[in-house]
Protein backbone atom coordinates (compact mmCIF):
# COMPACT_ATOMS: atom_id res chain seq x y z
CA MET A 1 79.76 39.32 -14.01
CA THR A 2 76.60 38.60 -15.99
CA LYS A 3 75.13 35.29 -15.01
CA HIS A 4 73.40 32.66 -17.08
CA ALA A 5 70.40 32.52 -14.75
CA SER A 6 69.46 34.02 -11.41
CA ALA A 7 68.02 30.76 -10.15
CA ALA A 8 66.58 27.52 -11.47
CA PRO A 9 62.76 27.78 -11.68
CA ASP A 10 60.88 26.39 -8.70
CA ALA A 11 58.91 23.99 -10.94
CA SER A 12 62.16 22.62 -12.39
CA ILE A 13 63.64 22.09 -8.94
CA LEU A 14 60.47 20.29 -7.86
CA GLY A 15 60.66 18.16 -10.99
CA LEU A 16 64.25 17.20 -10.21
CA GLN A 17 63.27 16.26 -6.67
CA GLN A 18 60.60 13.99 -8.13
CA ARG A 19 63.15 12.33 -10.42
CA LEU A 20 65.52 11.92 -7.49
CA GLN A 21 62.62 10.64 -5.35
CA HIS A 22 63.88 12.82 -2.52
CA ARG A 23 61.99 15.86 -1.25
CA PHE A 24 64.47 18.30 0.25
CA ALA A 25 63.84 19.76 3.68
CA GLU A 26 66.42 22.39 2.62
CA PRO A 27 65.93 23.05 -1.12
CA ALA A 28 68.82 25.55 -1.00
CA LEU A 29 71.18 22.58 -0.79
CA LEU A 30 69.94 21.26 -4.12
CA LEU A 31 70.20 24.71 -5.68
CA ARG A 32 73.81 25.00 -4.54
CA ALA A 33 74.56 21.53 -5.93
CA LEU A 34 73.54 22.84 -9.35
CA THR A 35 75.68 25.99 -9.08
CA HIS A 36 78.99 26.03 -10.95
CA ARG A 37 81.87 28.12 -9.61
CA SER A 38 81.56 30.44 -12.62
CA PHE A 39 78.10 31.54 -11.42
CA CYS A 40 78.87 32.83 -7.93
CA ALA A 41 81.03 32.32 -4.87
CA GLU A 42 78.55 29.92 -3.23
CA HIS A 43 79.13 27.10 -5.69
CA ASN A 44 78.95 23.31 -5.57
CA GLU A 45 82.59 22.23 -5.18
CA ARG A 46 82.38 21.46 -1.45
CA LEU A 47 79.21 19.43 -2.05
CA GLU A 48 80.97 17.66 -4.91
CA PHE A 49 83.89 16.78 -2.60
CA LEU A 50 81.45 15.35 -0.07
CA GLY A 51 79.33 13.59 -2.68
CA ASP A 52 82.36 11.87 -4.20
CA SER A 53 83.07 10.14 -0.87
CA VAL A 54 79.40 9.34 -0.24
CA LEU A 55 79.06 7.88 -3.75
CA ASN A 56 82.09 5.65 -3.33
CA LEU A 57 80.83 4.35 0.02
CA ALA A 58 77.28 3.83 -1.27
CA VAL A 59 78.48 1.97 -4.38
CA SER A 60 80.86 -0.09 -2.22
CA ARG A 61 77.92 -1.13 -0.03
CA LEU A 62 75.83 -1.91 -3.11
CA LEU A 63 78.56 -4.13 -4.56
CA TYR A 64 79.26 -5.75 -1.19
CA ASP A 65 75.60 -6.78 -0.96
CA GLN A 66 75.15 -7.84 -4.58
CA LEU A 67 78.54 -9.42 -5.29
CA GLY A 68 79.23 -11.03 -1.94
CA GLU A 69 81.72 -13.61 -3.21
CA LEU A 70 83.82 -11.24 -5.32
CA PRO A 71 87.37 -10.52 -4.03
CA GLU A 72 88.29 -7.01 -2.90
CA GLY A 73 90.41 -6.25 -5.96
CA ASP A 74 87.58 -7.15 -8.36
CA LEU A 75 85.10 -5.14 -6.30
CA SER A 76 87.40 -2.12 -6.62
CA ARG A 77 87.59 -2.47 -10.40
CA VAL A 78 83.82 -2.83 -10.80
CA ARG A 79 83.29 0.18 -8.54
CA ALA A 80 85.73 2.21 -10.66
CA ASN A 81 83.58 1.34 -13.69
CA LEU A 82 80.43 2.57 -12.00
CA VAL A 83 81.78 5.85 -10.59
CA ARG A 84 83.91 6.95 -13.57
CA GLN A 85 83.10 10.24 -15.27
CA GLU A 86 81.45 8.61 -18.30
CA SER A 87 78.97 6.70 -16.12
CA LEU A 88 78.11 9.72 -13.97
CA HIS A 89 77.73 11.89 -17.06
CA GLN A 90 75.12 9.51 -18.49
CA ILE A 91 73.18 9.44 -15.21
CA ALA A 92 73.28 13.24 -15.06
CA LEU A 93 71.78 13.38 -18.54
CA THR A 94 68.92 11.06 -17.56
CA LEU A 95 68.16 13.40 -14.65
CA ASP A 96 68.27 16.39 -17.05
CA LEU A 97 70.81 18.20 -14.88
CA SER A 98 72.13 20.06 -17.93
CA ALA A 99 68.93 22.12 -18.09
CA LEU A 100 69.20 23.11 -14.43
CA LEU A 101 72.88 24.01 -14.07
CA ARG A 102 73.58 27.56 -12.97
CA LEU A 103 76.54 28.81 -14.99
CA GLY A 104 78.33 32.08 -15.50
CA GLU A 105 77.84 33.73 -18.88
CA GLY A 106 81.22 32.68 -20.26
CA GLU A 107 80.83 29.07 -19.18
CA ALA A 108 77.31 28.97 -20.61
CA ARG A 109 78.48 30.34 -23.97
CA SER A 110 81.22 27.72 -24.16
CA GLY A 111 78.70 24.88 -23.70
CA GLY A 112 79.42 24.13 -20.05
CA ASN A 113 76.01 22.56 -19.51
CA ARG A 114 77.03 19.79 -21.94
CA ARG A 115 80.54 19.24 -20.61
CA PRO A 116 80.84 15.71 -19.13
CA SER A 117 83.14 16.80 -16.29
CA ILE A 118 80.75 19.56 -15.14
CA LEU A 119 77.73 17.26 -15.29
CA ALA A 120 79.52 14.43 -13.46
CA ASP A 121 80.66 16.87 -10.78
CA ALA A 122 77.13 18.25 -10.43
CA LEU A 123 75.75 14.75 -9.94
CA GLU A 124 78.25 14.12 -7.15
CA ALA A 125 77.24 17.46 -5.62
CA VAL A 126 73.57 16.42 -5.74
CA ILE A 127 74.46 13.20 -3.94
CA GLY A 128 76.33 15.24 -1.33
CA ALA A 129 73.30 17.51 -0.95
CA VAL A 130 70.98 14.53 -0.41
CA TYR A 131 73.41 13.20 2.21
CA LEU A 132 73.38 16.50 4.13
CA ASP A 133 69.62 16.85 3.80
CA GLY A 134 68.54 13.32 4.65
CA GLY A 135 71.55 11.40 5.97
CA PHE A 136 73.43 8.44 4.58
CA ASP A 137 70.38 6.17 4.30
CA ALA A 138 68.74 8.66 1.93
CA ALA A 139 71.95 8.97 -0.10
CA GLN A 140 72.37 5.19 -0.23
CA ALA A 141 68.80 4.79 -1.44
CA LEU A 142 69.37 7.44 -4.11
CA VAL A 143 72.54 5.76 -5.39
CA GLU A 144 70.72 2.41 -5.55
CA ARG A 145 67.96 4.03 -7.63
CA LEU A 146 70.46 5.73 -9.94
CA PHE A 147 72.26 2.46 -10.67
CA LYS A 148 69.16 0.28 -10.64
CA GLY A 149 69.08 -0.17 -14.42
CA LEU A 150 72.57 -1.65 -14.58
CA ASP A 151 73.08 -5.41 -14.64
CA ILE A 152 75.72 -5.63 -11.92
CA LYS A 153 77.22 -9.12 -11.77
CA PRO A 154 80.61 -10.76 -11.06
CA GLU A 155 81.54 -11.04 -14.75
CA MET A 156 80.71 -7.40 -15.39
CA PRO A 157 83.51 -5.95 -17.55
CA ALA A 158 85.81 -3.74 -15.57
CA ALA A 159 86.70 -0.35 -16.91
CA ALA A 160 90.20 0.24 -18.11
CA LYS A 161 92.23 1.36 -15.15
CA ASP A 162 92.64 5.08 -14.84
CA PRO A 163 95.68 6.45 -12.96
CA LYS A 164 93.75 6.98 -9.70
CA THR A 165 92.47 3.39 -9.71
CA GLU A 166 95.88 1.99 -10.63
CA LEU A 167 97.58 4.00 -7.87
CA GLN A 168 95.01 2.86 -5.32
CA GLU A 169 95.50 -0.78 -6.26
CA TRP A 170 99.30 -0.39 -6.22
CA LEU A 171 99.14 0.93 -2.66
CA GLN A 172 96.54 -1.59 -1.50
CA GLY A 173 98.67 -4.42 -2.83
CA ARG A 174 101.46 -3.24 -0.53
CA ARG A 175 99.12 -2.65 2.44
CA MET A 176 99.66 1.11 2.38
CA LYS A 177 97.20 3.89 3.12
CA LEU A 178 95.24 5.32 0.21
CA PRO A 179 96.49 8.53 -1.43
CA VAL A 180 95.23 11.94 -0.35
CA TYR A 181 94.28 14.56 -2.95
CA ARG A 182 94.20 18.30 -2.25
CA VAL A 183 93.48 21.26 -4.53
CA ALA A 184 96.70 23.27 -4.40
CA GLY A 185 95.49 26.18 -6.51
CA THR A 186 93.41 27.43 -9.43
CA LEU A 187 94.39 29.66 -12.34
CA GLY A 188 92.49 31.61 -14.98
CA ALA A 189 89.03 33.12 -15.33
CA GLN A 190 86.18 31.32 -13.60
CA HIS A 191 84.69 30.01 -16.84
CA LYS A 192 88.05 28.67 -18.01
CA GLN A 193 89.93 27.62 -14.90
CA THR A 194 92.91 25.32 -14.56
CA PHE A 195 93.21 23.25 -11.39
CA GLU A 196 96.41 22.15 -9.69
CA VAL A 197 96.02 19.15 -7.38
CA GLU A 198 98.54 17.57 -5.04
CA CYS A 199 98.60 13.80 -4.58
CA GLU A 200 100.22 12.59 -1.36
CA VAL A 201 101.14 9.03 -0.39
CA PRO A 202 101.33 9.32 3.41
CA ASP A 203 103.18 6.04 4.06
CA LEU A 204 106.02 7.04 1.73
CA ARG A 205 105.94 10.78 2.45
CA LEU A 206 105.77 11.51 -1.28
CA GLN A 207 103.89 14.28 -3.08
CA GLU A 208 103.28 14.93 -6.75
CA ARG A 209 101.16 17.51 -8.52
CA GLY A 210 98.96 17.46 -11.60
CA ILE A 211 97.17 20.10 -13.64
CA GLY A 212 93.86 19.80 -15.47
CA ALA A 213 90.80 21.67 -16.71
CA SER A 214 88.75 20.18 -13.85
CA ARG A 215 89.52 18.95 -10.35
CA ARG A 216 88.88 15.40 -11.54
CA ALA A 217 91.30 15.72 -14.46
CA ALA A 218 93.96 17.28 -12.23
CA GLU A 219 93.63 14.41 -9.74
CA GLN A 220 94.19 11.90 -12.54
CA ALA A 221 97.25 13.84 -13.72
CA ALA A 222 98.65 13.93 -10.17
CA ALA A 223 98.03 10.19 -9.74
CA ALA A 224 99.79 9.49 -13.06
CA ALA A 225 102.79 11.53 -11.92
CA MET A 226 102.88 9.65 -8.62
CA LEU A 227 102.77 6.29 -10.42
CA LEU A 228 105.74 7.32 -12.57
CA LYS A 229 107.69 8.23 -9.45
CA LEU A 230 106.81 5.01 -7.65
CA LYS A 231 107.62 2.78 -10.61
CA ALA A 232 110.96 4.55 -11.11
CA GLN A 233 112.07 3.73 -7.57
CA PRO A 234 114.21 0.63 -7.03
CA THR A 235 112.23 -2.28 -5.63
């Protein structure tokens, strides 16, 4: 397969490290974080998986410190606002990640470097790379810098609930474990893949699946299907 680029230029990688304010001991981690699955087999999806969890924990700590009197449910809604795709996409643009993404030829031709889902995923992968390179303190400091410009306060408008957030709150309200999401399969060419994700609610031994053009979209579809099943059950 012809690739969009063989590697991001060294000067560009150094510039990104300056914007991140983190100098990588292992620059290869940052390069992988910028590599889409359409480019080669050593892509950023595992780093994205890790970065998603690190981001949620880091933002949770940030909100815990800044909004100390806010109840758990409100903290969850504010966090959902901060870590949603739209927010991450905007941060990725400020870091100029679109210019550094490594994409396969087909994905590049279709405008993949401007696609919000790809940019949001790449940002999470970068956060995961910083965590592996420098530990949680470095990742926490990065997240605080990325969200520094936002006026985070108790009356901050919460984002409209997406299916994953609604499912999480439904389970938390019943003191159940959080859902588990797993990629069950992928279909199609690398530059135009469809993801199938399974959502499991361990306490109820229920599973539902969703399909989407990205892992994130498939998770939302699976969560929506699970909510339909739960709400259809007799109370």
